[in-house]
Amino acid sequence: HLDLHPSSGGDNYIDFASVPFQIP
């Protein structure tokens, strides 16, 4: 999943579902 931990710019978690993906 798109899992972003709290950041140095003051954003709390950004966390939401993804789907199985490819690496281009």
PDBML (XML) file of the C-alpha atoms, coordinates in Angstrom:
<?xml version="1.0" encoding="UTF-8" ?>
<PDBx:datablock datablockName="MODEL"
   xmlns:PDBx="http://pdbml.pdb.org/schema/pdbx-v50.xsd"
   xmlns:xsi="http://www.w3.org/2001/XMLSchema-instance"
   xsi:schemaLocation="http://pdbml.pdb.org/schema/pdbx-v50.xsd pdbx-v50.xsd">
   <PDBx:atom_siteCategory>
      <PDBx:atom_site id="1">
         <PDBx:B_iso_or_equiv>0.00</PDBx:B_iso_or_equiv>
         <PDBx:Cartn_x>0.000</PDBx:Cartn_x>
         <PDBx:Cartn_y>0.000</PDBx:Cartn_y>
         <PDBx:Cartn_z>0.000</PDBx:Cartn_z>
         <PDBx:auth_asym_id>A</PDBx:auth_asym_id>
         <PDBx:auth_atom_id>CA</PDBx:auth_atom_id>
         <PDBx:auth_comp_id>HIS</PDBx:auth_comp_id>
         <PDBx:auth_seq_id>1</PDBx:auth_seq_id>
         <PDBx:group_PDB>ATOM</PDBx:group_PDB>
         <PDBx:label_alt_id xsi:nil="true" />
         <PDBx:label_asym_id>A</PDBx:label_asym_id>
         <PDBx:label_atom_id>CA</PDBx:label_atom_id>
         <PDBx:label_comp_id>HIS</PDBx:label_comp_id>
         <PDBx:label_entity_id>1</PDBx:label_entity_id>
         <PDBx:label_seq_id>1</PDBx:label_seq_id>
         <PDBx:occupancy>1.00</PDBx:occupancy>
         <PDBx:pdbx_PDB_model_num>1</PDBx:pdbx_PDB_model_num>
         <PDBx:type_symbol>C</PDBx:type_symbol>
      </PDBx:atom_site>
      <PDBx:atom_site id="2">
         <PDBx:B_iso_or_equiv>0.00</PDBx:B_iso_or_equiv>
         <PDBx:Cartn_x>1.061</PDBx:Cartn_x>
         <PDBx:Cartn_y>3.631</PDBx:Cartn_y>
         <PDBx:Cartn_z>-0.368</PDBx:Cartn_z>
         <PDBx:auth_asym_id>A</PDBx:auth_asym_id>
         <PDBx:auth_atom_id>CA</PDBx:auth_atom_id>
         <PDBx:auth_comp_id>LEU</PDBx:auth_comp_id>
         <PDBx:auth_seq_id>2</PDBx:auth_seq_id>
         <PDBx:group_PDB>ATOM</PDBx:group_PDB>
         <PDBx:label_alt_id xsi:nil="true" />
         <PDBx:label_asym_id>A</PDBx:label_asym_id>
         <PDBx:label_atom_id>CA</PDBx:label_atom_id>
         <PDBx:label_comp_id>LEU</PDBx:label_comp_id>
         <PDBx:label_entity_id>1</PDBx:label_entity_id>
         <PDBx:label_seq_id>2</PDBx:label_seq_id>
         <PDBx:occupancy>1.00</PDBx:occupancy>
         <PDBx:pdbx_PDB_model_num>1</PDBx:pdbx_PDB_model_num>
         <PDBx:type_symbol>C</PDBx:type_symbol>
      </PDBx:atom_site>
      <PDBx:atom_site id="3">
         <PDBx:B_iso_or_equiv>0.00</PDBx:B_iso_or_equiv>
         <PDBx:Cartn_x>2.613</PDBx:Cartn_x>
         <PDBx:Cartn_y>3.979</PDBx:Cartn_y>
         <PDBx:Cartn_z>3.072</PDBx:Cartn_z>
         <PDBx:auth_asym_id>A</PDBx:auth_asym_id>
         <PDBx:auth_atom_id>CA</PDBx:auth_atom_id>
         <PDBx:auth_comp_id>ASP</PDBx:auth_comp_id>
         <PDBx:auth_seq_id>3</PDBx:auth_seq_id>
         <PDBx:group_PDB>ATOM</PDBx:group_PDB>
         <PDBx:label_alt_id xsi:nil="true" />
         <PDBx:label_asym_id>A</PDBx:label_asym_id>
         <PDBx:label_atom_id>CA</PDBx:label_atom_id>
         <PDBx:label_comp_id>ASP</PDBx:label_comp_id>
         <PDBx:label_entity_id>1</PDBx:label_entity_id>
         <PDBx:label_seq_id>3</PDBx:label_seq_id>
         <PDBx:occupancy>1.00</PDBx:occupancy>
         <PDBx:pdbx_PDB_model_num>1</PDBx:pdbx_PDB_model_num>
         <PDBx:type_symbol>C</PDBx:type_symbol>
      </PDBx:atom_site>
      <PDBx:atom_site id="4">
         <PDBx:B_iso_or_equiv>0.00</PDBx:B_iso_or_equiv>
         <PDBx:Cartn_x>4.158</PDBx:Cartn_x>
         <PDBx:Cartn_y>7.356</PDBx:Cartn_y>
         <PDBx:Cartn_z>3.847</PDBx:Cartn_z>
         <PDBx:auth_asym_id>A</PDBx:auth_asym_id>
         <PDBx:auth_atom_id>CA</PDBx:auth_atom_id>
         <PDBx:auth_comp_id>LEU</PDBx:auth_comp_id>
         <PDBx:auth_seq_id>4</PDBx:auth_seq_id>
         <PDBx:group_PDB>ATOM</PDBx:group_PDB>
         <PDBx:label_alt_id xsi:nil="true" />
         <PDBx:label_asym_id>A</PDBx:label_asym_id>
         <PDBx:label_atom_id>CA</PDBx:label_atom_id>
         <PDBx:label_comp_id>LEU</PDBx:label_comp_id>
         <PDBx:label_entity_id>1</PDBx:label_entity_id>
         <PDBx:label_seq_id>4</PDBx:label_seq_id>
         <PDBx:occupancy>1.00</PDBx:occupancy>
         <PDBx:pdbx_PDB_model_num>1</PDBx:pdbx_PDB_model_num>
         <PDBx:type_symbol>C</PDBx:type_symbol>
      </PDBx:atom_site>
      <PDBx:atom_site id="5">
         <PDBx:B_iso_or_equiv>0.00</PDBx:B_iso_or_equiv>
         <PDBx:Cartn_x>5.238</PDBx:Cartn_x>
         <PDBx:Cartn_y>7.989</PDBx:Cartn_y>
         <PDBx:Cartn_z>7.427</PDBx:Cartn_z>
         <PDBx:auth_asym_id>A</PDBx:auth_asym_id>
         <PDBx:auth_atom_id>CA</PDBx:auth_atom_id>
         <PDBx:auth_comp_id>HIS</PDBx:auth_comp_id>
         <PDBx:auth_seq_id>5</PDBx:auth_seq_id>
         <PDBx:group_PDB>ATOM</PDBx:group_PDB>
         <PDBx:label_alt_id xsi:nil="true" />
         <PDBx:label_asym_id>A</PDBx:label_asym_id>
         <PDBx:label_atom_id>CA</PDBx:label_atom_id>
         <PDBx:label_comp_id>HIS</PDBx:label_comp_id>
         <PDBx:label_entity_id>1</PDBx:label_entity_id>
         <PDBx:label_seq_id>5</PDBx:label_seq_id>
         <PDBx:occupancy>1.00</PDBx:occupancy>
         <PDBx:pdbx_PDB_model_num>1</PDBx:pdbx_PDB_model_num>
         <PDBx:type_symbol>C</PDBx:type_symbol>
      </PDBx:atom_site>
      <PDBx:atom_site id="6">
         <PDBx:B_iso_or_equiv>0.00</PDBx:B_iso_or_equiv>
         <PDBx:Cartn_x>5.018</PDBx:Cartn_x>
         <PDBx:Cartn_y>11.463</PDBx:Cartn_y>
         <PDBx:Cartn_z>8.992</PDBx:Cartn_z>
         <PDBx:auth_asym_id>A</PDBx:auth_asym_id>
         <PDBx:auth_atom_id>CA</PDBx:auth_atom_id>
         <PDBx:auth_comp_id>PRO</PDBx:auth_comp_id>
         <PDBx:auth_seq_id>6</PDBx:auth_seq_id>
         <PDBx:group_PDB>ATOM</PDBx:group_PDB>
         <PDBx:label_alt_id xsi:nil="true" />
         <PDBx:label_asym_id>A</PDBx:label_asym_id>
         <PDBx:label_atom_id>CA</PDBx:label_atom_id>
         <PDBx:label_comp_id>PRO</PDBx:label_comp_id>
         <PDBx:label_entity_id>1</PDBx:label_entity_id>
         <PDBx:label_seq_id>6</PDBx:label_seq_id>
         <PDBx:occupancy>1.00</PDBx:occupancy>
         <PDBx:pdbx_PDB_model_num>1</PDBx:pdbx_PDB_model_num>
         <PDBx:type_symbol>C</PDBx:type_symbol>
      </PDBx:atom_site>
      <PDBx:atom_site id="7">
         <PDBx:B_iso_or_equiv>0.00</PDBx:B_iso_or_equiv>
         <PDBx:Cartn_x>7.411</PDBx:Cartn_x>
         <PDBx:Cartn_y>13.795</PDBx:Cartn_y>
         <PDBx:Cartn_z>7.254</PDBx:Cartn_z>
         <PDBx:auth_asym_id>A</PDBx:auth_asym_id>
         <PDBx:auth_atom_id>CA</PDBx:auth_atom_id>
         <PDBx:auth_comp_id>SER</PDBx:auth_comp_id>
         <PDBx:auth_seq_id>7</PDBx:auth_seq_id>
         <PDBx:group_PDB>ATOM</PDBx:group_PDB>
         <PDBx:label_alt_id xsi:nil="true" />
         <PDBx:label_asym_id>A</PDBx:label_asym_id>
         <PDBx:label_atom_id>CA</PDBx:label_atom_id>
         <PDBx:label_comp_id>SER</PDBx:label_comp_id>
         <PDBx:label_entity_id>1</PDBx:label_entity_id>
         <PDBx:label_seq_id>7</PDBx:label_seq_id>
         <PDBx:occupancy>1.00</PDBx:occupancy>
         <PDBx:pdbx_PDB_model_num>1</PDBx:pdbx_PDB_model_num>
         <PDBx:type_symbol>C</PDBx:type_symbol>
      </PDBx:atom_site>
      <PDBx:atom_site id="8">
         <PDBx:B_iso_or_equiv>0.00</PDBx:B_iso_or_equiv>
         <PDBx:Cartn_x>9.931</PDBx:Cartn_x>
         <PDBx:Cartn_y>16.522</PDBx:Cartn_y>
         <PDBx:Cartn_z>7.975</PDBx:Cartn_z>
         <PDBx:auth_asym_id>A</PDBx:auth_asym_id>
         <PDBx:auth_atom_id>CA</PDBx:auth_atom_id>
         <PDBx:auth_comp_id>SER</PDBx:auth_comp_id>
         <PDBx:auth_seq_id>8</PDBx:auth_seq_id>
         <PDBx:group_PDB>ATOM</PDBx:group_PDB>
         <PDBx:label_alt_id xsi:nil="true" />
         <PDBx:label_asym_id>A</PDBx:label_asym_id>
         <PDBx:label_atom_id>CA</PDBx:label_atom_id>
         <PDBx:label_comp_id>SER</PDBx:label_comp_id>
         <PDBx:label_entity_id>1</PDBx:label_entity_id>
         <PDBx:label_seq_id>8</PDBx:label_seq_id>
         <PDBx:occupancy>1.00</PDBx:occupancy>
         <PDBx:pdbx_PDB_model_num>1</PDBx:pdbx_PDB_model_num>
         <PDBx:type_symbol>C</PDBx:type_symbol>
      </PDBx:atom_site>
      <PDBx:atom_site id="9">
         <PDBx:B_iso_or_equiv>0.00</PDBx:B_iso_or_equiv>
         <PDBx:Cartn_x>7.535</PDBx:Cartn_x>
         <PDBx:Cartn_y>19.016</PDBx:Cartn_y>
         <PDBx:Cartn_z>6.383</PDBx:Cartn_z>
         <PDBx:auth_asym_id>A</PDBx:auth_asym_id>
         <PDBx:auth_atom_id>CA</PDBx:auth_atom_id>
         <PDBx:auth_comp_id>GLY</PDBx:auth_comp_id>
         <PDBx:auth_seq_id>9</PDBx:auth_seq_id>
         <PDBx:group_PDB>ATOM</PDBx:group_PDB>
         <PDBx:label_alt_id xsi:nil="true" />
         <PDBx:label_asym_id>A</PDBx:label_asym_id>
         <PDBx:label_atom_id>CA</PDBx:label_atom_id>
         <PDBx:label_comp_id>GLY</PDBx:label_comp_id>
         <PDBx:label_entity_id>1</PDBx:label_entity_id>
         <PDBx:label_seq_id>9</PDBx:label_seq_id>
         <PDBx:occupancy>1.00</PDBx:occupancy>
         <PDBx:pdbx_PDB_model_num>1</PDBx:pdbx_PDB_model_num>
         <PDBx:type_symbol>C</PDBx:type_symbol>
      </PDBx:atom_site>
      <PDBx:atom_site id="10">
         <PDBx:B_iso_or_equiv>0.00</PDBx:B_iso_or_equiv>
         <PDBx:Cartn_x>4.817</PDBx:Cartn_x>
         <PDBx:Cartn_y>18.385</PDBx:Cartn_y>
         <PDBx:Cartn_z>8.958</PDBx:Cartn_z>
         <PDBx:auth_asym_id>A</PDBx:auth_asym_id>
         <PDBx:auth_atom_id>CA</PDBx:auth_atom_id>
         <PDBx:auth_comp_id>GLY</PDBx:auth_comp_id>
         <PDBx:auth_seq_id>10</PDBx:auth_seq_id>
         <PDBx:group_PDB>ATOM</PDBx:group_PDB>
         <PDBx:label_alt_id xsi:nil="true" />
         <PDBx:label_asym_id>A</PDBx:label_asym_id>
         <PDBx:label_atom_id>CA</PDBx:label_atom_id>
         <PDBx:label_comp_id>GLY</PDBx:label_comp_id>
         <PDBx:label_entity_id>1</PDBx:label_entity_id>
         <PDBx:label_seq_id>10</PDBx:label_seq_id>
         <PDBx:occupancy>1.00</PDBx:occupancy>
         <PDBx:pdbx_PDB_model_num>1</PDBx:pdbx_PDB_model_num>
         <PDBx:type_symbol>C</PDBx:type_symbol>
      </PDBx:atom_site>
      <PDBx:atom_site id="11">
         <PDBx:B_iso_or_equiv>0.00</PDBx:B_iso_or_equiv>
         <PDBx:Cartn_x>2.567</PDBx:Cartn_x>
         <PDBx:Cartn_y>15.918</PDBx:Cartn_y>
         <PDBx:Cartn_z>7.138</PDBx:Cartn_z>
         <PDBx:auth_asym_id>A</PDBx:auth_asym_id>
         <PDBx:auth_atom_id>CA</PDBx:auth_atom_id>
         <PDBx:auth_comp_id>ASP</PDBx:auth_comp_id>
         <PDBx:auth_seq_id>11</PDBx:auth_seq_id>
         <PDBx:group_PDB>ATOM</PDBx:group_PDB>
         <PDBx:label_alt_id xsi:nil="true" />
         <PDBx:label_asym_id>A</PDBx:label_asym_id>
         <PDBx:label_atom_id>CA</PDBx:label_atom_id>
         <PDBx:label_comp_id>ASP</PDBx:label_comp_id>
         <PDBx:label_entity_id>1</PDBx:label_entity_id>
         <PDBx:label_seq_id>11</PDBx:label_seq_id>
         <PDBx:occupancy>1.00</PDBx:occupancy>
         <PDBx:pdbx_PDB_model_num>1</PDBx:pdbx_PDB_model_num>
         <PDBx:type_symbol>C</PDBx:type_symbol>
      </PDBx:atom_site>
      <PDBx:atom_site id="12">
         <PDBx:B_iso_or_equiv>0.00</PDBx:B_iso_or_equiv>
         <PDBx:Cartn_x>0.932</PDBx:Cartn_x>
         <PDBx:Cartn_y>13.204</PDBx:Cartn_y>
         <PDBx:Cartn_z>9.194</PDBx:Cartn_z>
         <PDBx:auth_asym_id>A</PDBx:auth_asym_id>
         <PDBx:auth_atom_id>CA</PDBx:auth_atom_id>
         <PDBx:auth_comp_id>ASN</PDBx:auth_comp_id>
         <PDBx:auth_seq_id>12</PDBx:auth_seq_id>
         <PDBx:group_PDB>ATOM</PDBx:group_PDB>
         <PDBx:label_alt_id xsi:nil="true" />
         <PDBx:label_asym_id>A</PDBx:label_asym_id>
         <PDBx:label_atom_id>CA</PDBx:label_atom_id>
         <PDBx:label_comp_id>ASN</PDBx:label_comp_id>
         <PDBx:label_entity_id>1</PDBx:label_entity_id>
         <PDBx:label_seq_id>12</PDBx:label_seq_id>
         <PDBx:occupancy>1.00</PDBx:occupancy>
         <PDBx:pdbx_PDB_model_num>1</PDBx:pdbx_PDB_model_num>
         <PDBx:type_symbol>C</PDBx:type_symbol>
      </PDBx:atom_site>
      <PDBx:atom_site id="13">
         <PDBx:B_iso_or_equiv>0.00</PDBx:B_iso_or_equiv>
         <PDBx:Cartn_x>0.670</PDBx:Cartn_x>
         <PDBx:Cartn_y>9.712</PDBx:Cartn_y>
         <PDBx:Cartn_z>7.675</PDBx:Cartn_z>
         <PDBx:auth_asym_id>A</PDBx:auth_asym_id>
         <PDBx:auth_atom_id>CA</PDBx:auth_atom_id>
         <PDBx:auth_comp_id>TYR</PDBx:auth_comp_id>
         <PDBx:auth_seq_id>13</PDBx:auth_seq_id>
         <PDBx:group_PDB>ATOM</PDBx:group_PDB>
         <PDBx:label_alt_id xsi:nil="true" />
         <PDBx:label_asym_id>A</PDBx:label_asym_id>
         <PDBx:label_atom_id>CA</PDBx:label_atom_id>
         <PDBx:label_comp_id>TYR</PDBx:label_comp_id>
         <PDBx:label_entity_id>1</PDBx:label_entity_id>
         <PDBx:label_seq_id>13</PDBx:label_seq_id>
         <PDBx:occupancy>1.00</PDBx:occupancy>
         <PDBx:pdbx_PDB_model_num>1</PDBx:pdbx_PDB_model_num>
         <PDBx:type_symbol>C</PDBx:type_symbol>
      </PDBx:atom_site>
      <PDBx:atom_site id="14">
         <PDBx:B_iso_or_equiv>0.00</PDBx:B_iso_or_equiv>
         <PDBx:Cartn_x>-0.385</PDBx:Cartn_x>
         <PDBx:Cartn_y>9.495</PDBx:Cartn_y>
         <PDBx:Cartn_z>4.036</PDBx:Cartn_z>
         <PDBx:auth_asym_id>A</PDBx:auth_asym_id>
         <PDBx:auth_atom_id>CA</PDBx:auth_atom_id>
         <PDBx:auth_comp_id>ILE</PDBx:auth_comp_id>
         <PDBx:auth_seq_id>14</PDBx:auth_seq_id>
         <PDBx:group_PDB>ATOM</PDBx:group_PDB>
         <PDBx:label_alt_id xsi:nil="true" />
         <PDBx:label_asym_id>A</PDBx:label_asym_id>
         <PDBx:label_atom_id>CA</PDBx:label_atom_id>
         <PDBx:label_comp_id>ILE</PDBx:label_comp_id>
         <PDBx:label_entity_id>1</PDBx:label_entity_id>
         <PDBx:label_seq_id>14</PDBx:label_seq_id>
         <PDBx:occupancy>1.00</PDBx:occupancy>
         <PDBx:pdbx_PDB_model_num>1</PDBx:pdbx_PDB_model_num>
         <PDBx:type_symbol>C</PDBx:type_symbol>
      </PDBx:atom_site>
      <PDBx:atom_site id="15">
         <PDBx:B_iso_or_equiv>0.00</PDBx:B_iso_or_equiv>
         <PDBx:Cartn_x>-1.718</PDBx:Cartn_x>
         <PDBx:Cartn_y>5.974</PDBx:Cartn_y>
         <PDBx:Cartn_z>3.755</PDBx:Cartn_z>
         <PDBx:auth_asym_id>A</PDBx:auth_asym_id>
         <PDBx:auth_atom_id>CA</PDBx:auth_atom_id>
         <PDBx:auth_comp_id>ASP</PDBx:auth_comp_id>
         <PDBx:auth_seq_id>15</PDBx:auth_seq_id>
         <PDBx:group_PDB>ATOM</PDBx:group_PDB>
         <PDBx:label_alt_id xsi:nil="true" />
         <PDBx:label_asym_id>A</PDBx:label_asym_id>
         <PDBx:label_atom_id>CA</PDBx:label_atom_id>
         <PDBx:label_comp_id>ASP</PDBx:label_comp_id>
         <PDBx:label_entity_id>1</PDBx:label_entity_id>
         <PDBx:label_seq_id>15</PDBx:label_seq_id>
         <PDBx:occupancy>1.00</PDBx:occupancy>
         <PDBx:pdbx_PDB_model_num>1</PDBx:pdbx_PDB_model_num>
         <PDBx:type_symbol>C</PDBx:type_symbol>
      </PDBx:atom_site>
      <PDBx:atom_site id="16">
         <PDBx:B_iso_or_equiv>0.00</PDBx:B_iso_or_equiv>
         <PDBx:Cartn_x>-4.086</PDBx:Cartn_x>
         <PDBx:Cartn_y>4.490</PDBx:Cartn_y>
         <PDBx:Cartn_z>1.192</PDBx:Cartn_z>
         <PDBx:auth_asym_id>A</PDBx:auth_asym_id>
         <PDBx:auth_atom_id>CA</PDBx:auth_atom_id>
         <PDBx:auth_comp_id>PHE</PDBx:auth_comp_id>
         <PDBx:auth_seq_id>16</PDBx:auth_seq_id>
         <PDBx:group_PDB>ATOM</PDBx:group_PDB>
         <PDBx:label_alt_id xsi:nil="true" />
         <PDBx:label_asym_id>A</PDBx:label_asym_id>
         <PDBx:label_atom_id>CA</PDBx:label_atom_id>
         <PDBx:label_comp_id>PHE</PDBx:label_comp_id>
         <PDBx:label_entity_id>1</PDBx:label_entity_id>
         <PDBx:label_seq_id>16</PDBx:label_seq_id>
         <PDBx:occupancy>1.00</PDBx:occupancy>
         <PDBx:pdbx_PDB_model_num>1</PDBx:pdbx_PDB_model_num>
         <PDBx:type_symbol>C</PDBx:type_symbol>
      </PDBx:atom_site>
      <PDBx:atom_site id="17">
         <PDBx:B_iso_or_equiv>0.00</PDBx:B_iso_or_equiv>
         <PDBx:Cartn_x>-4.582</PDBx:Cartn_x>
         <PDBx:Cartn_y>1.315</PDBx:Cartn_y>
         <PDBx:Cartn_z>-0.794</PDBx:Cartn_z>
         <PDBx:auth_asym_id>A</PDBx:auth_asym_id>
         <PDBx:auth_atom_id>CA</PDBx:auth_atom_id>
         <PDBx:auth_comp_id>ALA</PDBx:auth_comp_id>
         <PDBx:auth_seq_id>17</PDBx:auth_seq_id>
         <PDBx:group_PDB>ATOM</PDBx:group_PDB>
         <PDBx:label_alt_id xsi:nil="true" />
         <PDBx:label_asym_id>A</PDBx:label_asym_id>
         <PDBx:label_atom_id>CA</PDBx:label_atom_id>
         <PDBx:label_comp_id>ALA</PDBx:label_comp_id>
         <PDBx:label_entity_id>1</PDBx:label_entity_id>
         <PDBx:label_seq_id>17</PDBx:label_seq_id>
         <PDBx:occupancy>1.00</PDBx:occupancy>
         <PDBx:pdbx_PDB_model_num>1</PDBx:pdbx_PDB_model_num>
         <PDBx:type_symbol>C</PDBx:type_symbol>
      </PDBx:atom_site>
      <PDBx:atom_site id="18">
         <PDBx:B_iso_or_equiv>0.00</PDBx:B_iso_or_equiv>
         <PDBx:Cartn_x>-2.769</PDBx:Cartn_x>
         <PDBx:Cartn_y>0.404</PDBx:Cartn_y>
         <PDBx:Cartn_z>-3.981</PDBx:Cartn_z>
         <PDBx:auth_asym_id>A</PDBx:auth_asym_id>
         <PDBx:auth_atom_id>CA</PDBx:auth_atom_id>
         <PDBx:auth_comp_id>SER</PDBx:auth_comp_id>
         <PDBx:auth_seq_id>18</PDBx:auth_seq_id>
         <PDBx:group_PDB>ATOM</PDBx:group_PDB>
         <PDBx:label_alt_id xsi:nil="true" />
         <PDBx:label_asym_id>A</PDBx:label_asym_id>
         <PDBx:label_atom_id>CA</PDBx:label_atom_id>
         <PDBx:label_comp_id>SER</PDBx:label_comp_id>
         <PDBx:label_entity_id>1</PDBx:label_entity_id>
         <PDBx:label_seq_id>18</PDBx:label_seq_id>
         <PDBx:occupancy>1.00</PDBx:occupancy>
         <PDBx:pdbx_PDB_model_num>1</PDBx:pdbx_PDB_model_num>
         <PDBx:type_symbol>C</PDBx:type_symbol>
      </PDBx:atom_site>
      <PDBx:atom_site id="19">
         <PDBx:B_iso_or_equiv>0.00</PDBx:B_iso_or_equiv>
         <PDBx:Cartn_x>-3.176</PDBx:Cartn_x>
         <PDBx:Cartn_y>-2.463</PDBx:Cartn_y>
         <PDBx:Cartn_z>-6.424</PDBx:Cartn_z>
         <PDBx:auth_asym_id>A</PDBx:auth_asym_id>
         <PDBx:auth_atom_id>CA</PDBx:auth_atom_id>
         <PDBx:auth_comp_id>VAL</PDBx:auth_comp_id>
         <PDBx:auth_seq_id>19</PDBx:auth_seq_id>
         <PDBx:group_PDB>ATOM</PDBx:group_PDB>
         <PDBx:label_alt_id xsi:nil="true" />
         <PDBx:label_asym_id>A</PDBx:label_asym_id>
         <PDBx:label_atom_id>CA</PDBx:label_atom_id>
         <PDBx:label_comp_id>VAL</PDBx:label_comp_id>
         <PDBx:label_entity_id>1</PDBx:label_entity_id>
         <PDBx:label_seq_id>19</PDBx:label_seq_id>
         <PDBx:occupancy>1.00</PDBx:occupancy>
         <PDBx:pdbx_PDB_model_num>1</PDBx:pdbx_PDB_model_num>
         <PDBx:type_symbol>C</PDBx:type_symbol>
      </PDBx:atom_site>
      <PDBx:atom_site id="20">
         <PDBx:B_iso_or_equiv>0.00</PDBx:B_iso_or_equiv>
         <PDBx:Cartn_x>-0.493</PDBx:Cartn_x>
         <PDBx:Cartn_y>-4.974</PDBx:Cartn_y>
         <PDBx:Cartn_z>-7.486</PDBx:Cartn_z>
         <PDBx:auth_asym_id>A</PDBx:auth_asym_id>
         <PDBx:auth_atom_id>CA</PDBx:auth_atom_id>
         <PDBx:auth_comp_id>PRO</PDBx:auth_comp_id>
         <PDBx:auth_seq_id>20</PDBx:auth_seq_id>
         <PDBx:group_PDB>ATOM</PDBx:group_PDB>
         <PDBx:label_alt_id xsi:nil="true" />
         <PDBx:label_asym_id>A</PDBx:label_asym_id>
         <PDBx:label_atom_id>CA</PDBx:label_atom_id>
         <PDBx:label_comp_id>PRO</PDBx:label_comp_id>
         <PDBx:label_entity_id>1</PDBx:label_entity_id>
         <PDBx:label_seq_id>20</PDBx:label_seq_id>
         <PDBx:occupancy>1.00</PDBx:occupancy>
         <PDBx:pdbx_PDB_model_num>1</PDBx:pdbx_PDB_model_num>
         <PDBx:type_symbol>C</PDBx:type_symbol>
      </PDBx:atom_site>
      <PDBx:atom_site id="21">
         <PDBx:B_iso_or_equiv>0.00</PDBx:B_iso_or_equiv>
         <PDBx:Cartn_x>1.826</PDBx:Cartn_x>
         <PDBx:Cartn_y>-3.086</PDBx:Cartn_y>
         <PDBx:Cartn_z>-9.817</PDBx:Cartn_z>
         <PDBx:auth_asym_id>A</PDBx:auth_asym_id>
         <PDBx:auth_atom_id>CA</PDBx:auth_atom_id>
         <PDBx:auth_comp_id>PHE</PDBx:auth_comp_id>
         <PDBx:auth_seq_id>21</PDBx:auth_seq_id>
         <PDBx:group_PDB>ATOM</PDBx:group_PDB>
         <PDBx:label_alt_id xsi:nil="true" />
         <PDBx:label_asym_id>A</PDBx:label_asym_id>
         <PDBx:label_atom_id>CA</PDBx:label_atom_id>
         <PDBx:label_comp_id>PHE</PDBx:label_comp_id>
         <PDBx:label_entity_id>1</PDBx:label_entity_id>
         <PDBx:label_seq_id>21</PDBx:label_seq_id>
         <PDBx:occupancy>1.00</PDBx:occupancy>
         <PDBx:pdbx_PDB_model_num>1</PDBx:pdbx_PDB_model_num>
         <PDBx:type_symbol>C</PDBx:type_symbol>
      </PDBx:atom_site>
      <PDBx:atom_site id="22">
         <PDBx:B_iso_or_equiv>0.00</PDBx:B_iso_or_equiv>
         <PDBx:Cartn_x>4.677</PDBx:Cartn_x>
         <PDBx:Cartn_y>-3.432</PDBx:Cartn_y>
         <PDBx:Cartn_z>-12.306</PDBx:Cartn_z>
         <PDBx:auth_asym_id>A</PDBx:auth_asym_id>
         <PDBx:auth_atom_id>CA</PDBx:auth_atom_id>
         <PDBx:auth_comp_id>GLN</PDBx:auth_comp_id>
         <PDBx:auth_seq_id>22</PDBx:auth_seq_id>
         <PDBx:group_PDB>ATOM</PDBx:group_PDB>
         <PDBx:label_alt_id xsi:nil="true" />
         <PDBx:label_asym_id>A</PDBx:label_asym_id>
         <PDBx:label_atom_id>CA</PDBx:label_atom_id>
         <PDBx:label_comp_id>GLN</PDBx:label_comp_id>
         <PDBx:label_entity_id>1</PDBx:label_entity_id>
         <PDBx:label_seq_id>22</PDBx:label_seq_id>
         <PDBx:occupancy>1.00</PDBx:occupancy>
         <PDBx:pdbx_PDB_model_num>1</PDBx:pdbx_PDB_model_num>
         <PDBx:type_symbol>C</PDBx:type_symbol>
      </PDBx:atom_site>
      <PDBx:atom_site id="23">
         <PDBx:B_iso_or_equiv>0.00</PDBx:B_iso_or_equiv>
         <PDBx:Cartn_x>8.149</PDBx:Cartn_x>
         <PDBx:Cartn_y>-1.871</PDBx:Cartn_y>
         <PDBx:Cartn_z>-12.292</PDBx:Cartn_z>
         <PDBx:auth_asym_id>A</PDBx:auth_asym_id>
         <PDBx:auth_atom_id>CA</PDBx:auth_atom_id>
         <PDBx:auth_comp_id>ILE</PDBx:auth_comp_id>
         <PDBx:auth_seq_id>23</PDBx:auth_seq_id>
         <PDBx:group_PDB>ATOM</PDBx:group_PDB>
         <PDBx:label_alt_id xsi:nil="true" />
         <PDBx:label_asym_id>A</PDBx:label_asym_id>
         <PDBx:label_atom_id>CA</PDBx:label_atom_id>
         <PDBx:label_comp_id>ILE</PDBx:label_comp_id>
         <PDBx:label_entity_id>1</PDBx:label_entity_id>
         <PDBx:label_seq_id>23</PDBx:label_seq_id>
         <PDBx:occupancy>1.00</PDBx:occupancy>
         <PDBx:pdbx_PDB_model_num>1</PDBx:pdbx_PDB_model_num>
         <PDBx:type_symbol>C</PDBx:type_symbol>
      </PDBx:atom_site>
      <PDBx:atom_site id="24">
         <PDBx:B_iso_or_equiv>0.00</PDBx:B_iso_or_equiv>
         <PDBx:Cartn_x>8.657</PDBx:Cartn_x>
         <PDBx:Cartn_y>0.047</PDBx:Cartn_y>
         <PDBx:Cartn_z>-15.570</PDBx:Cartn_z>
         <PDBx:auth_asym_id>A</PDBx:auth_asym_id>
         <PDBx:auth_atom_id>CA</PDBx:auth_atom_id>
         <PDBx:auth_comp_id>PRO</PDBx:auth_comp_id>
         <PDBx:auth_seq_id>24</PDBx:auth_seq_id>
         <PDBx:group_PDB>ATOM</PDBx:group_PDB>
         <PDBx:label_alt_id xsi:nil="true" />
         <PDBx:label_asym_id>A</PDBx:label_asym_id>
         <PDBx:label_atom_id>CA</PDBx:label_atom_id>
         <PDBx:label_comp_id>PRO</PDBx:label_comp_id>
         <PDBx:label_entity_id>1</PDBx:label_entity_id>
         <PDBx:label_seq_id>24</PDBx:label_seq_id>
         <PDBx:occupancy>1.00</PDBx:occupancy>
         <PDBx:pdbx_PDB_model_num>1</PDBx:pdbx_PDB_model_num>
         <PDBx:type_symbol>C</PDBx:type_symbol>
      </PDBx:atom_site>
   </PDBx:atom_siteCategory>
</PDBx:datablock>
